[in-house]
Amino acid sequence: VIPFSGVLRVRDMSVESAVGFHRTFQIIVQGSGVGETSGTLYTFHDSHVFAFNFNFLGAHELTEVTNAFLISNGVATNAMLQLVIHGTRSATGEITVEFEKLTLACRGAH
């Protein structure tokens, strides 16, 4: 168990036009903590980006990307997670693209 403390930042951007809108929403979390049993110092970096493209004529697109890193300040293993989710729907409502990709990695300490 690693209790963390840190900072949460939120960014929001929207662009509108006569045919639709685009919105990007980002959440960034950064912090540090100490392992309760090991005493190892860890830093944590996490970013979530959500992007929406909505066309009033019918086509829609959504992409979500999450990157998370847990970095040890010692001999403990570092961890990385990346999740990408994407979907596209045509003007007729047909799902034309849909996928999820999850990548997990543990790497030696630096």
C-alpha atoms as a PDB file:
ATOM      1  CA  VAL A   1       0.000   0.000   0.000  1.00  0.00           C
ATOM      2  CA  ILE A   2       1.310   3.441  -0.989  1.00  0.00           C
ATOM      3  CA  PRO A   3      -0.621   6.458   0.307  1.00  0.00           C
ATOM      4  CA  PHE A   4      -0.160   9.379  -2.122  1.00  0.00           C
ATOM      5  CA  SER A   5      -0.554  13.121  -1.955  1.00  0.00           C
ATOM      6  CA  GLY A   6      -0.247  15.488  -4.865  1.00  0.00           C
ATOM      7  CA  VAL A   7      -1.868  17.837  -7.333  1.00  0.00           C
ATOM      8  CA  LEU A   8      -4.816  17.421  -9.703  1.00  0.00           C
ATOM      9  CA  ARG A   9      -5.117  19.701 -12.742  1.00  0.00           C
ATOM     10  CA  VAL A  10      -8.035  19.887 -15.175  1.00  0.00           C
ATOM     11  CA  ARG A  11      -7.960  21.466 -18.626  1.00  0.00           C
ATOM     12  CA  ASP A  12     -10.986  21.884 -20.861  1.00  0.00           C
ATOM     13  CA  MET A  13     -11.064  23.193 -24.439  1.00  0.00           C
ATOM     14  CA  SER A  14     -14.071  23.462 -26.748  1.00  0.00           C
ATOM     15  CA  VAL A  15     -14.370  24.612 -30.350  1.00  0.00           C
ATOM     16  CA  GLU A  16     -17.774  25.060 -31.990  1.00  0.00           C
ATOM     17  CA  SER A  17     -18.806  25.604 -35.599  1.00  0.00           C
ATOM     18  CA  ALA A  18     -22.003  25.584 -37.648  1.00  0.00           C
ATOM     19  CA  VAL A  19     -21.706  21.810 -38.258  1.00  0.00           C
ATOM     20  CA  GLY A  20     -20.534  20.529 -34.878  1.00  0.00           C
ATOM     21  CA  PHE A  21     -18.098  20.861 -32.039  1.00  0.00           C
ATOM     22  CA  HIS A  22     -14.819  19.497 -30.748  1.00  0.00           C
ATOM     23  CA  ARG A  23     -14.041  19.159 -27.070  1.00  0.00           C
ATOM     24  CA  THR A  24     -10.830  18.086 -25.358  1.00  0.00           C
ATOM     25  CA  PHE A  25     -10.773  17.434 -21.649  1.00  0.00           C
ATOM     26  CA  GLN A  26      -7.546  16.583 -19.794  1.00  0.00           C
ATOM     27  CA  ILE A  27      -6.978  15.465 -16.209  1.00  0.00           C
ATOM     28  CA  ILE A  28      -3.401  15.426 -14.889  1.00  0.00           C
ATOM     29  CA  VAL A  29      -2.483  13.930 -11.518  1.00  0.00           C
ATOM     30  CA  GLN A  30       1.018  14.161 -10.052  1.00  0.00           C
ATOM     31  CA  GLY A  31       2.090  13.135  -6.610  1.00  0.00           C
ATOM     32  CA  SER A  32       4.349  11.153  -4.358  1.00  0.00           C
ATOM     33  CA  GLY A  33       4.061   8.657  -1.568  1.00  0.00           C
ATOM     34  CA  VAL A  34       5.990   6.273   0.622  1.00  0.00           C
ATOM     35  CA  GLY A  35       5.422   2.515   0.678  1.00  0.00           C
ATOM     36  CA  GLU A  36       3.966   1.606   4.075  1.00  0.00           C
ATOM     37  CA  THR A  37       6.006  -1.579   4.493  1.00  0.00           C
ATOM     38  CA  SER A  38       9.075  -0.877   2.303  1.00  0.00           C
ATOM     39  CA  GLY A  39       9.644   2.815   3.045  1.00  0.00           C
ATOM     40  CA  THR A  40      10.374   3.288  -0.686  1.00  0.00           C
ATOM     41  CA  LEU A  41       9.592   6.751  -2.097  1.00  0.00           C
ATOM     42  CA  TYR A  42       7.417   6.724  -5.236  1.00  0.00           C
ATOM     43  CA  THR A  43       6.325   9.434  -7.653  1.00  0.00           C
ATOM     44  CA  PHE A  44       3.118   9.107  -9.640  1.00  0.00           C
ATOM     45  CA  HIS A  45       2.273  10.769 -12.966  1.00  0.00           C
ATOM     46  CA  ASP A  46      -1.098  10.224 -14.593  1.00  0.00           C
ATOM     47  CA  SER A  47      -2.737  11.879 -17.602  1.00  0.00           C
ATOM     48  CA  HIS A  48      -6.212  11.261 -19.029  1.00  0.00           C
ATOM     49  CA  VAL A  49      -7.193  12.932 -22.309  1.00  0.00           C
ATOM     50  CA  PHE A  50     -10.730  12.710 -23.680  1.00  0.00           C
ATOM     51  CA  ALA A  51     -11.366  14.097 -27.172  1.00  0.00           C
ATOM     52  CA  PHE A  52     -14.844  14.277 -28.732  1.00  0.00           C
ATOM     53  CA  ASN A  53     -15.726  15.280 -32.279  1.00  0.00           C
ATOM     54  CA  PHE A  54     -19.475  15.682 -32.775  1.00  0.00           C
ATOM     55  CA  ASN A  55     -20.889  16.529 -36.196  1.00  0.00           C
ATOM     56  CA  PHE A  56     -24.487  17.787 -36.246  1.00  0.00           C
ATOM     57  CA  LEU A  57     -24.893  15.964 -39.581  1.00  0.00           C
ATOM     58  CA  GLY A  58     -24.338  12.668 -37.776  1.00  0.00           C
ATOM     59  CA  ALA A  59     -20.709  11.517 -37.626  1.00  0.00           C
ATOM     60  CA  HIS A  60     -19.127  11.240 -34.165  1.00  0.00           C
ATOM     61  CA  GLU A  61     -15.686  10.323 -32.850  1.00  0.00           C
ATOM     62  CA  LEU A  62     -14.370   9.672 -29.347  1.00  0.00           C
ATOM     63  CA  THR A  63     -10.790   9.025 -28.255  1.00  0.00           C
ATOM     64  CA  GLU A  64      -9.565   8.461 -24.702  1.00  0.00           C
ATOM     65  CA  VAL A  65      -5.884   8.063 -23.826  1.00  0.00           C
ATOM     66  CA  THR A  66      -4.616   7.316 -20.318  1.00  0.00           C
ATOM     67  CA  ASN A  67      -0.924   7.225 -19.409  1.00  0.00           C
ATOM     68  CA  ALA A  68       0.094   6.367 -15.851  1.00  0.00           C
ATOM     69  CA  PHE A  69       3.584   5.953 -14.390  1.00  0.00           C
ATOM     70  CA  LEU A  70       4.640   4.765 -10.944  1.00  0.00           C
ATOM     71  CA  ILE A  71       8.350   5.470 -10.459  1.00  0.00           C
ATOM     72  CA  SER A  72      10.367   4.254  -7.492  1.00  0.00           C
ATOM     73  CA  ASN A  73      13.246   6.102  -5.942  1.00  0.00           C
ATOM     74  CA  GLY A  74      15.219   2.974  -5.145  1.00  0.00           C
ATOM     75  CA  VAL A  75      15.493  -0.674  -6.112  1.00  0.00           C
ATOM     76  CA  ALA A  76      11.745  -1.315  -6.545  1.00  0.00           C
ATOM     77  CA  THR A  77      10.292  -1.942 -10.000  1.00  0.00           C
ATOM     78  CA  ASN A  78       8.721   0.946 -11.959  1.00  0.00           C
ATOM     79  CA  ALA A  79       5.299   0.494 -13.574  1.00  0.00           C
ATOM     80  CA  MET A  80       3.712   1.974 -16.723  1.00  0.00           C
ATOM     81  CA  LEU A  81       0.136   1.718 -17.969  1.00  0.00           C
ATOM     82  CA  GLN A  82      -1.300   3.035 -21.231  1.00  0.00           C
ATOM     83  CA  LEU A  83      -4.933   2.663 -22.272  1.00  0.00           C
ATOM     84  CA  VAL A  84      -6.243   3.873 -25.639  1.00  0.00           C
ATOM     85  CA  ILE A  85      -9.962   3.691 -26.461  1.00  0.00           C
ATOM     86  CA  HIS A  86     -11.302   4.921 -29.790  1.00  0.00           C
ATOM     87  CA  GLY A  87     -14.651   4.801 -31.532  1.00  0.00           C
ATOM     88  CA  THR A  88     -16.138   6.333 -34.666  1.00  0.00           C
ATOM     89  CA  ARG A  89     -19.801   6.327 -35.694  1.00  0.00           C
ATOM     90  CA  SER A  90     -20.917   7.289 -39.217  1.00  0.00           C
ATOM     91  CA  ALA A  91     -23.739   9.668 -40.090  1.00  0.00           C
ATOM     92  CA  THR A  92     -26.005   6.615 -40.545  1.00  0.00           C
ATOM     93  CA  GLY A  93     -25.238   5.431 -36.999  1.00  0.00           C
ATOM     94  CA  GLU A  94     -22.956   2.578 -38.036  1.00  0.00           C
ATOM     95  CA  ILE A  95     -19.916   1.970 -35.826  1.00  0.00           C
ATOM     96  CA  THR A  96     -17.050   2.167 -38.298  1.00  0.00           C
ATOM     97  CA  VAL A  97     -14.092   1.965 -35.897  1.00  0.00           C
ATOM     98  CA  GLU A  98     -13.934   0.652 -32.357  1.00  0.00           C
ATOM     99  CA  PHE A  99     -10.915  -0.539 -30.391  1.00  0.00           C
ATOM    100  CA  GLU A 100      -9.223  -0.665 -27.022  1.00  0.00           C
ATOM    101  CA  LYS A 101      -5.509  -1.163 -26.485  1.00  0.00           C
ATOM    102  CA  LEU A 102      -4.010  -1.733 -23.043  1.00  0.00           C
ATOM    103  CA  THR A 103      -0.263  -1.785 -22.428  1.00  0.00           C
ATOM    104  CA  LEU A 104       1.233  -2.649 -19.045  1.00  0.00           C
ATOM    105  CA  ALA A 105       4.951  -2.795 -18.328  1.00  0.00           C
ATOM    106  CA  CYS A 106       7.165  -3.223 -15.299  1.00  0.00           C
ATOM    107  CA  ARG A 107      10.721  -2.033 -15.659  1.00  0.00           C
ATOM    108  CA  GLY A 108      13.720  -2.176 -13.381  1.00  0.00           C
ATOM    109  CA  ALA A 109      14.543   0.713 -11.118  1.00  0.00           C
ATOM    110  CA  HIS A 110      16.737   3.490 -12.499  1.00  0.00           C
END
